[in-house]
């Protein structure tokens, strides 16, 4: 049976699965997710994710969703925050992980991702009516 940390990691990896270069790793002894060796996030415990975040976004996130985002003294002045995994939606987690990814991913990898994301969907074949 998977542990709480395994379930939390699976949730994070599922939300980041669309991002190229994502890898499971460790950071300071905690399970983490990186992009080509650069830190995106790590699990502090089954309900707490430490997430890379732009300094200018932190206060906005604290104010808009204090039930989800917070920090301890350890994170003050650092480009990261804490996330309550049991409170964040998959959609919001996906957005936050993509923003963290954009802070860390090499520009070349971002260009590849953006080009693939902007590619028009293939049209569905027309069915001829008789």
N, C-alpha and C. Protein backbone atom coordinates (compact mmCIF):
# COMPACT_ATOMS: atom_id res chain seq x y z
N UNK A 1 0.85 -1.18 0.00
CA UNK A 1 0.00 0.00 0.00
C UNK A 1 0.90 1.25 0.00
N UNK A 2 0.62 2.22 -0.89
CA UNK A 2 1.46 3.41 -0.97
C UNK A 2 1.36 4.26 0.30
N UNK A 3 2.48 4.85 0.68
CA UNK A 3 2.50 5.72 1.85
C UNK A 3 1.89 7.08 1.48
N UNK A 4 1.67 7.90 2.50
CA UNK A 4 1.15 9.24 2.27
C UNK A 4 2.08 10.06 1.40
N UNK A 5 3.38 9.92 1.60
CA UNK A 5 4.35 10.64 0.77
C UNK A 5 4.29 10.17 -0.68
N UNK A 6 4.13 8.86 -0.89
CA UNK A 6 4.03 8.33 -2.25
C UNK A 6 2.79 8.89 -2.96
N UNK A 7 1.67 8.96 -2.25
CA UNK A 7 0.44 9.51 -2.83
C UNK A 7 0.62 10.99 -3.15
N UNK A 8 1.25 11.72 -2.24
CA UNK A 8 1.48 13.15 -2.47
C UNK A 8 2.40 13.35 -3.67
N UNK A 9 3.44 12.56 -3.77
CA UNK A 9 4.35 12.67 -4.91
C UNK A 9 3.63 12.33 -6.20
N UNK A 10 2.80 11.32 -6.19
CA UNK A 10 2.03 10.96 -7.38
C UNK A 10 1.14 12.12 -7.81
N UNK A 11 0.52 12.82 -6.86
CA UNK A 11 -0.33 13.97 -7.16
C UNK A 11 0.48 15.08 -7.82
N UNK A 12 1.65 15.35 -7.28
CA UNK A 12 2.51 16.40 -7.83
C UNK A 12 3.02 16.01 -9.21
N UNK A 13 3.48 14.79 -9.37
CA UNK A 13 3.98 14.34 -10.67
C UNK A 13 2.88 14.34 -11.73
N UNK A 14 1.67 13.98 -11.35
CA UNK A 14 0.55 14.01 -12.30
C UNK A 14 0.26 15.44 -12.75
N UNK A 15 0.35 16.39 -11.83
CA UNK A 15 0.09 17.79 -12.17
C UNK A 15 1.21 18.39 -13.02
N UNK A 16 2.40 17.80 -12.97
CA UNK A 16 3.55 18.30 -13.73
C UNK A 16 3.86 17.45 -14.96
N UNK A 17 3.07 16.44 -15.21
CA UNK A 17 3.38 15.48 -16.27
C UNK A 17 3.47 16.10 -17.66
N UNK A 18 2.79 17.20 -17.90
CA UNK A 18 2.80 17.84 -19.22
C UNK A 18 4.05 18.67 -19.47
N UNK A 19 4.87 18.86 -18.45
CA UNK A 19 6.06 19.71 -18.57
C UNK A 19 7.28 18.87 -18.96
N UNK A 20 8.00 19.28 -19.99
CA UNK A 20 9.18 18.51 -20.40
C UNK A 20 10.34 18.66 -19.42
N UNK A 21 11.14 17.62 -19.33
CA UNK A 21 12.34 17.65 -18.51
C UNK A 21 12.12 17.40 -17.03
N UNK A 22 10.90 17.05 -16.65
CA UNK A 22 10.57 16.81 -15.24
C UNK A 22 11.19 15.49 -14.78
N UNK A 23 11.75 15.52 -13.59
CA UNK A 23 12.34 14.31 -13.02
C UNK A 23 12.10 14.25 -11.53
N UNK A 24 11.89 13.04 -11.03
CA UNK A 24 11.76 12.82 -9.60
C UNK A 24 13.16 12.78 -9.02
N UNK A 25 13.35 13.38 -7.86
CA UNK A 25 14.67 13.45 -7.26
C UNK A 25 14.52 13.57 -5.75
N UNK A 26 15.58 14.02 -5.10
CA UNK A 26 15.54 14.35 -3.68
C UNK A 26 16.21 15.70 -3.50
N UNK A 27 15.84 16.36 -2.43
CA UNK A 27 16.43 17.65 -2.07
C UNK A 27 16.47 17.71 -0.55
N UNK A 28 17.67 17.79 0.00
CA UNK A 28 17.86 17.80 1.45
C UNK A 28 17.14 16.64 2.13
N UNK A 29 17.16 15.49 1.48
CA UNK A 29 16.57 14.28 2.03
C UNK A 29 15.08 14.12 1.80
N UNK A 30 14.45 15.10 1.15
CA UNK A 30 13.01 15.03 0.86
C UNK A 30 12.79 14.66 -0.60
N UNK A 31 11.68 13.96 -0.87
CA UNK A 31 11.30 13.69 -2.25
C UNK A 31 11.08 15.03 -2.94
N UNK A 32 11.57 15.15 -4.16
CA UNK A 32 11.42 16.41 -4.86
C UNK A 32 11.17 16.19 -6.35
N UNK A 33 10.82 17.28 -7.02
CA UNK A 33 10.65 17.30 -8.46
C UNK A 33 11.54 18.41 -8.99
N UNK A 34 12.27 18.08 -10.05
CA UNK A 34 13.21 19.03 -10.66
C UNK A 34 13.00 19.04 -12.16
N UNK A 35 13.53 20.09 -12.78
CA UNK A 35 13.59 20.15 -14.24
C UNK A 35 15.07 20.22 -14.60
N UNK A 36 15.53 19.19 -15.25
CA UNK A 36 16.94 19.07 -15.63
C UNK A 36 17.87 19.43 -14.48
N UNK A 37 17.59 18.87 -13.31
CA UNK A 37 18.43 19.04 -12.14
C UNK A 37 18.16 20.29 -11.32
N UNK A 38 17.26 21.15 -11.77
CA UNK A 38 16.96 22.38 -11.02
C UNK A 38 15.66 22.22 -10.23
N UNK A 39 15.69 22.64 -9.00
CA UNK A 39 14.61 22.48 -8.03
C UNK A 39 13.32 23.17 -8.45
N UNK A 40 12.21 22.42 -8.38
CA UNK A 40 10.87 22.98 -8.54
C UNK A 40 10.11 22.92 -7.22
N UNK A 41 10.15 21.74 -6.58
CA UNK A 41 9.39 21.56 -5.34
C UNK A 41 9.87 20.33 -4.60
N UNK A 42 9.51 20.27 -3.33
CA UNK A 42 9.80 19.08 -2.53
C UNK A 42 8.70 18.88 -1.50
N UNK A 43 8.56 17.64 -1.09
CA UNK A 43 7.54 17.30 -0.10
C UNK A 43 8.15 17.38 1.30
N UNK A 44 7.57 18.22 2.13
CA UNK A 44 8.01 18.32 3.52
C UNK A 44 7.37 17.20 4.34
N UNK A 45 6.12 16.89 4.01
CA UNK A 45 5.36 15.80 4.60
C UNK A 45 4.21 15.52 3.63
N UNK A 46 3.35 14.54 3.88
CA UNK A 46 2.31 14.20 2.91
C UNK A 46 1.33 15.34 2.57
N UNK A 47 1.25 16.36 3.42
CA UNK A 47 0.31 17.45 3.16
C UNK A 47 0.98 18.78 2.87
N UNK A 48 2.32 18.84 2.83
CA UNK A 48 3.01 20.11 2.67
C UNK A 48 4.04 20.03 1.55
N UNK A 49 3.88 20.93 0.58
CA UNK A 49 4.79 21.03 -0.55
C UNK A 49 5.55 22.34 -0.44
N UNK A 50 6.86 22.29 -0.55
CA UNK A 50 7.69 23.48 -0.66
C UNK A 50 7.85 23.73 -2.16
N UNK A 51 7.45 24.90 -2.62
CA UNK A 51 7.36 25.17 -4.05
C UNK A 51 8.13 26.42 -4.43
N UNK A 52 8.92 26.34 -5.48
CA UNK A 52 9.62 27.50 -6.03
C UNK A 52 8.57 28.49 -6.51
N UNK A 53 8.80 29.77 -6.23
CA UNK A 53 7.83 30.80 -6.57
C UNK A 53 8.56 32.12 -6.75
N UNK A 54 8.15 32.90 -7.71
CA UNK A 54 8.74 34.23 -7.90
C UNK A 54 8.44 35.09 -6.68
N UNK A 55 9.42 35.85 -6.24
CA UNK A 55 9.26 36.69 -5.05
C UNK A 55 8.05 37.62 -5.20
N UNK A 56 7.86 38.16 -6.41
CA UNK A 56 6.76 39.12 -6.62
C UNK A 56 5.38 38.47 -6.56
N UNK A 57 5.30 37.15 -6.64
CA UNK A 57 4.01 36.45 -6.57
C UNK A 57 3.62 36.03 -5.15
N UNK A 58 4.58 35.97 -4.26
CA UNK A 58 4.32 35.41 -2.93
C UNK A 58 3.21 36.14 -2.18
N UNK A 59 3.32 37.44 -2.02
CA UNK A 59 2.34 38.19 -1.23
C UNK A 59 0.94 38.09 -1.83
N UNK A 60 0.87 38.11 -3.16
CA UNK A 60 -0.43 37.98 -3.83
C UNK A 60 -1.06 36.63 -3.50
N UNK A 61 -0.27 35.58 -3.53
CA UNK A 61 -0.79 34.24 -3.23
C UNK A 61 -1.20 34.12 -1.77
N UNK A 62 -0.41 34.67 -0.87
CA UNK A 62 -0.77 34.64 0.56
C UNK A 62 -2.08 35.36 0.79
N UNK A 63 -2.26 36.51 0.13
CA UNK A 63 -3.47 37.31 0.32
C UNK A 63 -4.70 36.67 -0.34
N UNK A 64 -4.51 36.09 -1.53
CA UNK A 64 -5.65 35.55 -2.26
C UNK A 64 -6.10 34.17 -1.78
N UNK A 65 -5.18 33.39 -1.24
CA UNK A 65 -5.54 32.03 -0.82
C UNK A 65 -4.73 31.63 0.43
N UNK A 66 -4.97 32.28 1.57
CA UNK A 66 -4.21 31.96 2.77
C UNK A 66 -4.45 30.54 3.29
N UNK A 67 -5.53 29.93 2.88
CA UNK A 67 -5.79 28.55 3.28
C UNK A 67 -4.93 27.55 2.53
N UNK A 68 -4.35 27.99 1.41
CA UNK A 68 -3.51 27.12 0.58
C UNK A 68 -2.03 27.45 0.75
N UNK A 69 -1.70 28.75 0.67
CA UNK A 69 -0.30 29.18 0.64
C UNK A 69 0.10 29.86 1.94
N UNK A 70 1.31 29.56 2.38
CA UNK A 70 1.84 30.19 3.59
C UNK A 70 3.36 30.05 3.60
N UNK A 71 3.99 30.66 4.59
CA UNK A 71 5.42 30.48 4.75
C UNK A 71 5.78 30.50 6.23
N UNK A 72 6.90 29.92 6.54
CA UNK A 72 7.47 29.99 7.87
C UNK A 72 8.68 30.92 7.79
N UNK A 73 9.27 31.22 8.90
CA UNK A 73 10.44 32.11 8.90
C UNK A 73 11.54 31.60 7.98
N UNK A 74 11.67 30.31 7.87
CA UNK A 74 12.70 29.71 7.02
C UNK A 74 12.58 30.17 5.56
N UNK A 75 11.36 30.42 5.09
CA UNK A 75 11.11 30.77 3.68
C UNK A 75 11.07 32.27 3.42
N UNK A 76 11.11 33.09 4.44
CA UNK A 76 11.10 34.55 4.24
C UNK A 76 12.36 34.96 3.49
N UNK A 77 12.16 35.77 2.45
CA UNK A 77 13.29 36.24 1.65
C UNK A 77 13.81 35.23 0.65
N UNK A 78 13.16 34.11 0.53
CA UNK A 78 13.56 33.06 -0.40
C UNK A 78 12.47 32.90 -1.46
N UNK A 79 12.80 32.64 -2.73
CA UNK A 79 11.78 32.51 -3.77
C UNK A 79 11.04 31.17 -3.71
N UNK A 80 10.29 31.01 -2.65
CA UNK A 80 9.52 29.80 -2.47
C UNK A 80 8.48 29.99 -1.39
N UNK A 81 7.53 29.09 -1.35
CA UNK A 81 6.47 29.13 -0.35
C UNK A 81 6.02 27.72 -0.04
N UNK A 82 5.15 27.61 0.92
CA UNK A 82 4.59 26.31 1.30
C UNK A 82 3.16 26.21 0.81
N UNK A 83 2.78 25.01 0.41
CA UNK A 83 1.46 24.74 -0.16
C UNK A 83 0.82 23.61 0.64
N UNK A 84 -0.42 23.81 1.04
CA UNK A 84 -1.19 22.74 1.68
C UNK A 84 -1.77 21.87 0.56
N UNK A 85 -1.17 20.70 0.36
CA UNK A 85 -1.58 19.83 -0.75
C UNK A 85 -3.02 19.36 -0.64
N UNK A 86 -3.53 19.23 0.58
CA UNK A 86 -4.90 18.76 0.74
C UNK A 86 -5.91 19.88 0.48
N UNK A 87 -5.44 21.11 0.25
CA UNK A 87 -6.34 22.24 0.00
C UNK A 87 -6.30 22.75 -1.43
N UNK A 88 -5.24 22.44 -2.16
CA UNK A 88 -5.07 22.98 -3.51
C UNK A 88 -5.73 22.06 -4.54
N UNK A 89 -6.39 22.66 -5.53
CA UNK A 89 -7.00 21.87 -6.60
C UNK A 89 -5.92 21.41 -7.57
N UNK A 90 -6.23 20.37 -8.33
CA UNK A 90 -5.27 19.88 -9.33
C UNK A 90 -4.98 20.98 -10.34
N UNK A 91 -6.00 21.72 -10.75
CA UNK A 91 -5.81 22.79 -11.73
C UNK A 91 -4.86 23.86 -11.19
N UNK A 92 -5.07 24.30 -9.96
CA UNK A 92 -4.20 25.32 -9.36
C UNK A 92 -2.79 24.78 -9.17
N UNK A 93 -2.65 23.54 -8.75
CA UNK A 93 -1.33 22.95 -8.58
C UNK A 93 -0.60 22.89 -9.93
N UNK A 94 -1.32 22.55 -10.97
CA UNK A 94 -0.73 22.50 -12.31
C UNK A 94 -0.21 23.88 -12.72
N UNK A 95 -1.00 24.92 -12.46
CA UNK A 95 -0.57 26.29 -12.78
C UNK A 95 0.68 26.67 -11.99
N UNK A 96 0.67 26.39 -10.69
CA UNK A 96 1.81 26.75 -9.84
C UNK A 96 3.07 26.00 -10.26
N UNK A 97 2.93 24.73 -10.61
CA UNK A 97 4.09 23.95 -11.05
C UNK A 97 4.63 24.46 -12.38
N UNK A 98 3.74 24.85 -13.28
CA UNK A 98 4.20 25.41 -14.56
C UNK A 98 4.94 26.73 -14.33
N UNK A 99 4.45 27.56 -13.43
CA UNK A 99 5.15 28.82 -13.13
C UNK A 99 6.52 28.54 -12.52
N UNK A 100 6.60 27.57 -11.63
CA UNK A 100 7.89 27.19 -11.04
C UNK A 100 8.82 26.65 -12.13
N UNK A 101 8.26 25.84 -13.01
CA UNK A 101 9.02 25.28 -14.12
C UNK A 101 9.61 26.39 -14.99
N UNK A 102 8.81 27.41 -15.28
CA UNK A 102 9.28 28.52 -16.11
C UNK A 102 10.41 29.30 -15.44
N UNK A 103 10.44 29.32 -14.12
CA UNK A 103 11.54 29.98 -13.41
C UNK A 103 12.84 29.18 -13.53
N UNK A 104 12.75 27.87 -13.71
CA UNK A 104 13.92 27.01 -13.63
C UNK A 104 14.33 26.35 -14.95
N UNK A 105 13.39 26.12 -15.83
CA UNK A 105 13.70 25.38 -17.06
C UNK A 105 14.59 26.21 -17.98
N UNK A 106 15.52 25.56 -18.67
CA UNK A 106 16.34 26.28 -19.64
C UNK A 106 15.46 26.90 -20.74
N UNK A 107 15.89 28.03 -21.26
CA UNK A 107 15.11 28.76 -22.27
C UNK A 107 14.82 27.87 -23.49
N UNK A 108 15.78 27.06 -23.90
CA UNK A 108 15.58 26.18 -25.05
C UNK A 108 14.41 25.21 -24.80
N UNK A 109 14.34 24.65 -23.61
CA UNK A 109 13.27 23.73 -23.26
C UNK A 109 11.93 24.46 -23.22
N UNK A 110 11.93 25.68 -22.73
CA UNK A 110 10.70 26.49 -22.72
C UNK A 110 10.21 26.77 -24.13
N UNK A 111 11.13 27.07 -25.05
CA UNK A 111 10.74 27.34 -26.44
C UNK A 111 10.12 26.10 -27.07
N UNK A 112 10.69 24.94 -26.80
CA UNK A 112 10.14 23.69 -27.33
C UNK A 112 8.73 23.46 -26.79
N UNK A 113 8.57 23.66 -25.48
CA UNK A 113 7.26 23.48 -24.85
C UNK A 113 6.23 24.47 -25.42
N UNK A 114 6.63 25.74 -25.54
CA UNK A 114 5.71 26.76 -26.04
C UNK A 114 5.32 26.49 -27.49
N UNK A 115 6.27 26.03 -28.30
CA UNK A 115 5.97 25.72 -29.70
C UNK A 115 4.98 24.55 -29.79
N UNK A 116 5.19 23.55 -28.96
CA UNK A 116 4.29 22.39 -28.97
C UNK A 116 2.90 22.77 -28.45
N UNK A 117 2.85 23.66 -27.46
CA UNK A 117 1.57 24.08 -26.89
C UNK A 117 0.79 24.95 -27.86
N UNK A 118 1.51 25.69 -28.72
CA UNK A 118 0.85 26.61 -29.66
C UNK A 118 0.45 25.92 -30.96
N UNK A 119 0.91 24.71 -31.17
CA UNK A 119 0.59 23.99 -32.40
C UNK A 119 -0.92 23.80 -32.50
N UNK A 120 -1.47 24.13 -33.66
CA UNK A 120 -2.93 23.96 -33.81
C UNK A 120 -3.32 22.49 -33.76
N UNK A 121 -4.48 22.26 -33.22
CA UNK A 121 -4.99 20.89 -33.15
C UNK A 121 -5.26 20.38 -34.55
N UNK A 122 -5.02 19.11 -34.76
CA UNK A 122 -5.28 18.52 -36.07
C UNK A 122 -6.79 18.48 -36.28
N UNK A 123 -7.23 18.92 -37.46
CA UNK A 123 -8.68 18.89 -37.72
C UNK A 123 -9.19 17.46 -37.80
N UNK A 124 -10.41 17.30 -37.37
CA UNK A 124 -11.03 15.98 -37.45
C UNK A 124 -11.40 15.72 -38.91
N UNK A 125 -11.23 14.48 -39.34
CA UNK A 125 -11.60 14.17 -40.72
C UNK A 125 -13.11 14.32 -40.93
N UNK A 126 -13.44 14.83 -42.07
CA UNK A 126 -14.86 14.99 -42.39
C UNK A 126 -15.47 13.65 -42.81
N UNK A 127 -16.65 13.45 -42.36
CA UNK A 127 -17.38 12.25 -42.72
C UNK A 127 -18.36 12.63 -43.82
N UNK A 128 -18.26 11.94 -44.97
CA UNK A 128 -19.14 12.24 -46.08
C UNK A 128 -20.51 11.63 -45.82
N UNK A 129 -21.53 12.46 -46.05
CA UNK A 129 -22.89 11.95 -45.91
C UNK A 129 -23.35 11.39 -47.23
N UNK A 130 -24.09 10.31 -47.15
CA UNK A 130 -24.61 9.67 -48.37
C UNK A 130 -26.00 10.11 -48.63
